[in-house]
Amino acid sequence: MDLEARSLQPNVKAVLLAKLREYKSDLNNLKSEHKRLASANSNQAARDDLLESGMADAMSLHGVDDNISNSKKILTNMSRRMSRNKWIISSIIVVLVVAIALILYFKLSK
């Protein structure tokens, strides 16, 4: 179109070349706007994907927190039982040692 407009008469040529420049600038503006909107849409899609995965991660983290709290309770109970069993075994040993000492004392004193 540019070549055709240049080959016309000078009075028509100026008008057509001005319109052609205007159309080219409009086309470039539309192209840049399209690129901007396309990148915004892709950014929005990426953002939505990240939000969805973040929500899934948050839900899984809540499940992990529940499991950790249950494990903590179990370990605390196990620790209490272990210390209680140590006290019981220690007291049984002390009673047996005292009983053996008493038996030896009475056997040897007679």
Protein backbone atom coordinates (compact mmCIF):
# COMPACT_ATOMS: atom_id res chain seq x y z
CA MET A 1 0.00 0.00 0.00
CA ASP A 2 2.85 2.31 0.77
CA LEU A 3 4.31 1.89 -2.72
CA GLU A 4 0.94 2.44 -4.35
CA ALA A 5 0.36 5.66 -2.39
CA ARG A 6 3.79 7.00 -3.36
CA SER A 7 3.13 6.46 -7.04
CA LEU A 8 -0.04 8.60 -7.03
CA GLN A 9 -0.39 12.34 -7.67
CA PRO A 10 1.17 14.64 -5.02
CA ASN A 11 -2.13 16.04 -3.65
CA VAL A 12 -3.65 12.56 -3.12
CA LYS A 13 -0.31 11.08 -2.11
CA ALA A 14 0.08 13.29 1.00
CA VAL A 15 -3.39 12.43 2.31
CA LEU A 16 -2.98 8.71 1.72
CA LEU A 17 0.50 8.60 3.29
CA ALA A 18 -0.80 10.44 6.37
CA LYS A 19 -3.64 7.91 6.73
CA LEU A 20 -1.19 5.07 6.19
CA ARG A 21 1.09 6.40 8.98
CA GLU A 22 -1.94 6.72 11.26
CA TYR A 23 -3.02 3.15 10.52
CA LYS A 24 0.50 1.85 11.14
CA SER A 25 0.70 3.62 14.51
CA ASP A 26 -2.75 2.28 15.45
CA LEU A 27 -1.61 -1.20 14.46
CA ASN A 28 1.54 -0.88 16.58
CA ASN A 29 -0.51 0.41 19.53
CA LEU A 30 -2.91 -2.51 19.23
CA LYS A 31 -0.01 -4.97 19.03
CA SER A 32 1.60 -3.56 22.16
CA GLU A 33 -1.73 -3.57 24.00
CA HIS A 34 -2.30 -7.18 22.95
CA LYS A 35 1.14 -8.16 24.27
CA ARG A 36 0.46 -6.34 27.54
CA LEU A 37 -2.91 -8.04 28.00
CA ALA A 38 -1.53 -11.44 27.03
CA SER A 39 1.28 -11.12 29.58
CA ALA A 40 -1.21 -9.94 32.22
CA ASN A 41 -3.42 -12.97 31.51
CA SER A 42 -0.47 -15.35 31.73
CA ASN A 43 0.64 -13.65 34.95
CA GLN A 44 -2.89 -13.98 36.32
CA ALA A 45 -3.01 -17.66 35.39
CA ALA A 46 0.36 -18.25 37.03
CA ARG A 47 -0.81 -16.36 40.09
CA ASP A 48 -4.00 -18.44 40.27
CA ASP A 49 -1.95 -21.64 39.99
CA LEU A 50 0.33 -20.49 42.79
CA LEU A 51 -2.64 -19.59 44.98
CA GLU A 52 -4.27 -22.96 44.39
CA SER A 53 -1.06 -24.83 45.17
CA GLY A 54 -0.57 -22.63 48.23
CA MET A 55 -4.03 -23.54 49.47
CA ALA A 56 -3.28 -27.22 48.93
CA ASP A 57 0.00 -26.78 50.79
CA ALA A 58 -1.77 -25.00 53.64
CA MET A 59 -4.31 -27.81 53.91
CA SER A 60 -1.56 -30.43 53.94
CA LEU A 61 0.33 -28.40 56.54
CA HIS A 62 -2.71 -28.43 58.80
CA GLY A 63 -2.76 -32.22 58.51
CA VAL A 64 0.96 -32.33 59.32
CA ASP A 65 0.41 -30.09 62.36
CA ASP A 66 -2.29 -32.45 63.63
CA ASN A 67 -0.01 -35.44 63.16
CA ILE A 68 2.84 -33.69 64.94
CA SER A 69 0.64 -32.79 67.91
CA ASN A 70 -0.58 -36.41 68.13
CA SER A 71 3.00 -37.66 67.99
CA LYS A 72 4.01 -35.20 70.70
CA LYS A 73 1.23 -36.49 72.97
CA ILE A 74 2.25 -40.09 72.38
CA LEU A 75 5.91 -39.35 73.08
CA THR A 76 5.03 -37.44 76.26
CA ASN A 77 2.95 -40.36 77.51
CA MET A 78 5.75 -42.79 76.67
CA SER A 79 8.24 -40.64 78.58
CA ARG A 80 5.96 -40.55 81.64
CA ARG A 81 5.52 -44.33 81.57
CA MET A 82 9.26 -44.80 81.19
CA SER A 83 10.08 -42.65 84.24
CA ARG A 84 7.30 -44.34 86.26
CA ASN A 85 8.67 -47.77 85.35
CA LYS A 86 12.19 -46.65 86.37
CA TRP A 87 10.87 -45.60 89.79
CA ILE A 88 9.02 -48.89 90.20
CA ILE A 89 12.05 -50.97 89.23
CA SER A 90 14.31 -48.88 91.49
CA SER A 91 12.00 -49.32 94.46
CA ILE A 92 11.76 -53.11 93.83
CA ILE A 93 15.57 -53.30 93.75
CA VAL A 94 15.83 -51.31 96.98
CA VAL A 95 13.26 -53.57 98.69
CA LEU A 96 15.12 -56.70 97.53
CA VAL A 97 18.48 -55.36 98.69
CA VAL A 98 17.01 -54.46 102.09
CA ALA A 99 15.40 -57.93 102.33
CA ILE A 100 18.70 -59.65 101.47
CA ALA A 101 20.54 -57.48 104.00
CA LEU A 102 18.01 -58.35 106.72
CA ILE A 103 18.20 -62.06 105.91
CA LEU A 104 21.99 -62.01 106.04
CA TYR A 105 21.97 -60.06 109.29
CA PHE A 106 19.64 -62.52 111.02
CA LYS A 107 21.49 -65.56 109.61
CA LEU A 108 24.93 -64.33 110.61
CA SER A 109 23.93 -62.96 114.02
CA LYS A 110 22.76 -66.37 115.32
